[in-house]
Protein backbone atom coordinates (compact mmCIF):
# COMPACT_ATOMS: atom_id res chain seq x y z
CA MET A 1 32.32 12.23 -17.34
CA ILE A 2 33.80 15.19 -14.15
CA PHE A 3 34.56 14.46 -11.27
CA ALA A 4 31.89 15.14 -8.57
CA ALA A 5 33.52 14.46 -5.21
CA LYS A 6 35.76 11.69 -3.25
CA VAL A 7 33.27 9.09 -1.72
CA SER A 8 34.78 9.75 1.66
CA GLU A 9 32.61 12.78 1.32
CA VAL A 10 29.72 11.71 0.88
CA PRO A 11 29.18 9.72 4.20
CA ASN A 12 26.44 6.36 3.67
CA PHE A 13 22.63 7.30 3.15
CA GLY A 14 23.76 10.58 3.37
CA LYS A 15 24.24 13.57 0.22
CA LYS A 16 26.62 16.34 -0.75
CA ALA A 17 25.42 19.51 -3.40
CA VAL A 18 28.43 20.17 -5.68
CA THR A 19 28.03 22.48 -8.54
CA LEU A 20 29.28 21.62 -11.42
CA GLU A 21 29.25 22.87 -14.69
CA GLY A 22 27.37 26.12 -13.07
CA ARG A 23 24.69 23.28 -12.00
CA GLU A 24 24.08 22.19 -8.39
CA ILE A 25 23.82 18.21 -8.55
CA LEU A 26 23.08 15.94 -5.97
CA LEU A 27 24.84 12.84 -5.02
CA VAL A 28 23.67 10.39 -2.89
CA ASN A 29 25.29 7.64 -1.35
CA ILE A 30 22.97 4.21 0.00
CA LYS A 31 25.44 1.50 0.48
CA GLY A 32 28.44 2.72 -1.98
CA GLU A 33 26.40 2.87 -4.39
CA ILE A 34 26.22 6.99 -5.70
CA PHE A 35 23.53 8.37 -7.28
CA ALA A 36 23.76 12.14 -8.72
CA CYS A 37 20.48 14.11 -9.33
CA GLU A 38 19.93 17.04 -9.73
CA ASN A 39 19.14 19.59 -6.72
CA GLU A 40 16.07 21.24 -7.57
CA CYS A 41 12.73 19.53 -7.11
CA PRO A 42 10.94 19.13 -9.95
CA HIS A 43 7.63 20.28 -8.90
CA GLN A 44 8.33 23.30 -7.57
CA GLY A 45 11.48 23.89 -7.64
CA SER A 46 12.70 23.33 -3.48
CA PRO A 47 16.19 21.97 -3.19
CA LEU A 48 16.60 18.22 -2.56
CA ASN A 49 19.69 17.89 0.14
CA ALA A 50 17.14 18.24 2.27
CA GLY A 51 14.92 15.67 2.00
CA ILE A 52 15.56 12.42 3.52
CA VAL A 53 16.70 9.06 1.12
CA LYS A 54 14.96 5.94 2.60
CA ASP A 55 14.28 2.36 -0.03
CA GLY A 56 16.49 4.10 -2.98
CA HIS A 57 14.27 6.69 -3.27
CA LEU A 58 14.73 11.05 -2.83
CA SER A 59 11.76 13.11 -1.21
CA CYS A 60 11.60 16.25 -1.52
CA PRO A 61 10.93 17.34 1.77
CA ARG A 62 8.17 20.39 0.64
CA HIS A 63 5.66 18.08 -0.28
CA GLY A 64 7.10 14.56 0.41
CA TYR A 65 6.80 13.40 -3.45
CA ARG A 66 8.98 10.81 -4.18
CA PHE A 67 11.85 10.27 -6.59
CA ASP A 68 13.14 6.90 -7.81
CA LEU A 69 17.37 7.25 -7.24
CA LYS A 70 17.88 4.53 -10.57
CA SER A 71 14.86 6.23 -12.89
CA GLY A 72 13.52 9.52 -11.67
CA HIS A 73 10.78 8.82 -11.44
CA CYS A 74 7.83 9.74 -9.04
CA LYS A 75 6.00 7.55 -7.25
CA ASP A 76 3.85 10.16 -5.95
CA ASN A 77 2.92 11.85 -8.88
CA GLY A 78 3.57 10.31 -12.66
CA GLU A 79 4.06 13.86 -13.64
CA PHE A 80 7.65 14.75 -12.00
CA THR A 81 10.35 13.57 -13.19
CA LEU A 82 13.71 14.12 -11.66
CA LYS A 83 16.32 14.26 -13.99
CA ILE A 84 19.08 11.14 -13.36
CA PHE A 85 22.57 11.95 -14.25
CA PRO A 86 25.55 8.55 -15.07
CA VAL A 87 28.18 8.50 -12.59
CA LYS A 88 30.92 6.52 -12.60
CA LEU A 89 33.33 5.93 -9.60
CA LEU A 90 37.32 5.51 -10.11
CA GLY A 91 38.98 4.55 -6.83
CA GLU A 92 37.88 7.37 -4.44
CA GLU A 93 36.42 9.91 -7.95
CA ILE A 94 33.13 10.42 -8.26
CA MET A 95 33.14 11.33 -12.33
CA VAL A 96 28.88 12.62 -13.29
CA ASP A 97 28.48 13.02 -16.11
CA LEU A 98 25.84 15.64 -16.90
CA GLY A 99 26.31 15.23 -20.93
CA GLN A 100 23.50 12.69 -21.43
CA ASP A 101 20.47 11.54 -18.83
CA ASN A 102 19.68 8.73 -17.37
CA ASN A 103 15.61 9.59 -18.08
CA SER A 104 16.89 10.08 -21.99
């Protein structure tokens, strides 16, 4: 696991894009629970940092596809899955495991 950001840098219901090991990762905070996913829609590659977070889902700003932040499954089209990465909080530090994704 590698350090991604501090919890205080990701506001409640907010997002923060970070680059970890050359990959664009999006951190999402939902009531203190932090999620990490790729910052690129699997449909057409749009950045997701401009997406809307609602009801545990992240919506792509381009076509509105909604991705479950726990599983990565697309609620609107089962053909697409967003890569979700395991997160561990160590006090104020957000640690992300890029070695595996939760979709496996």
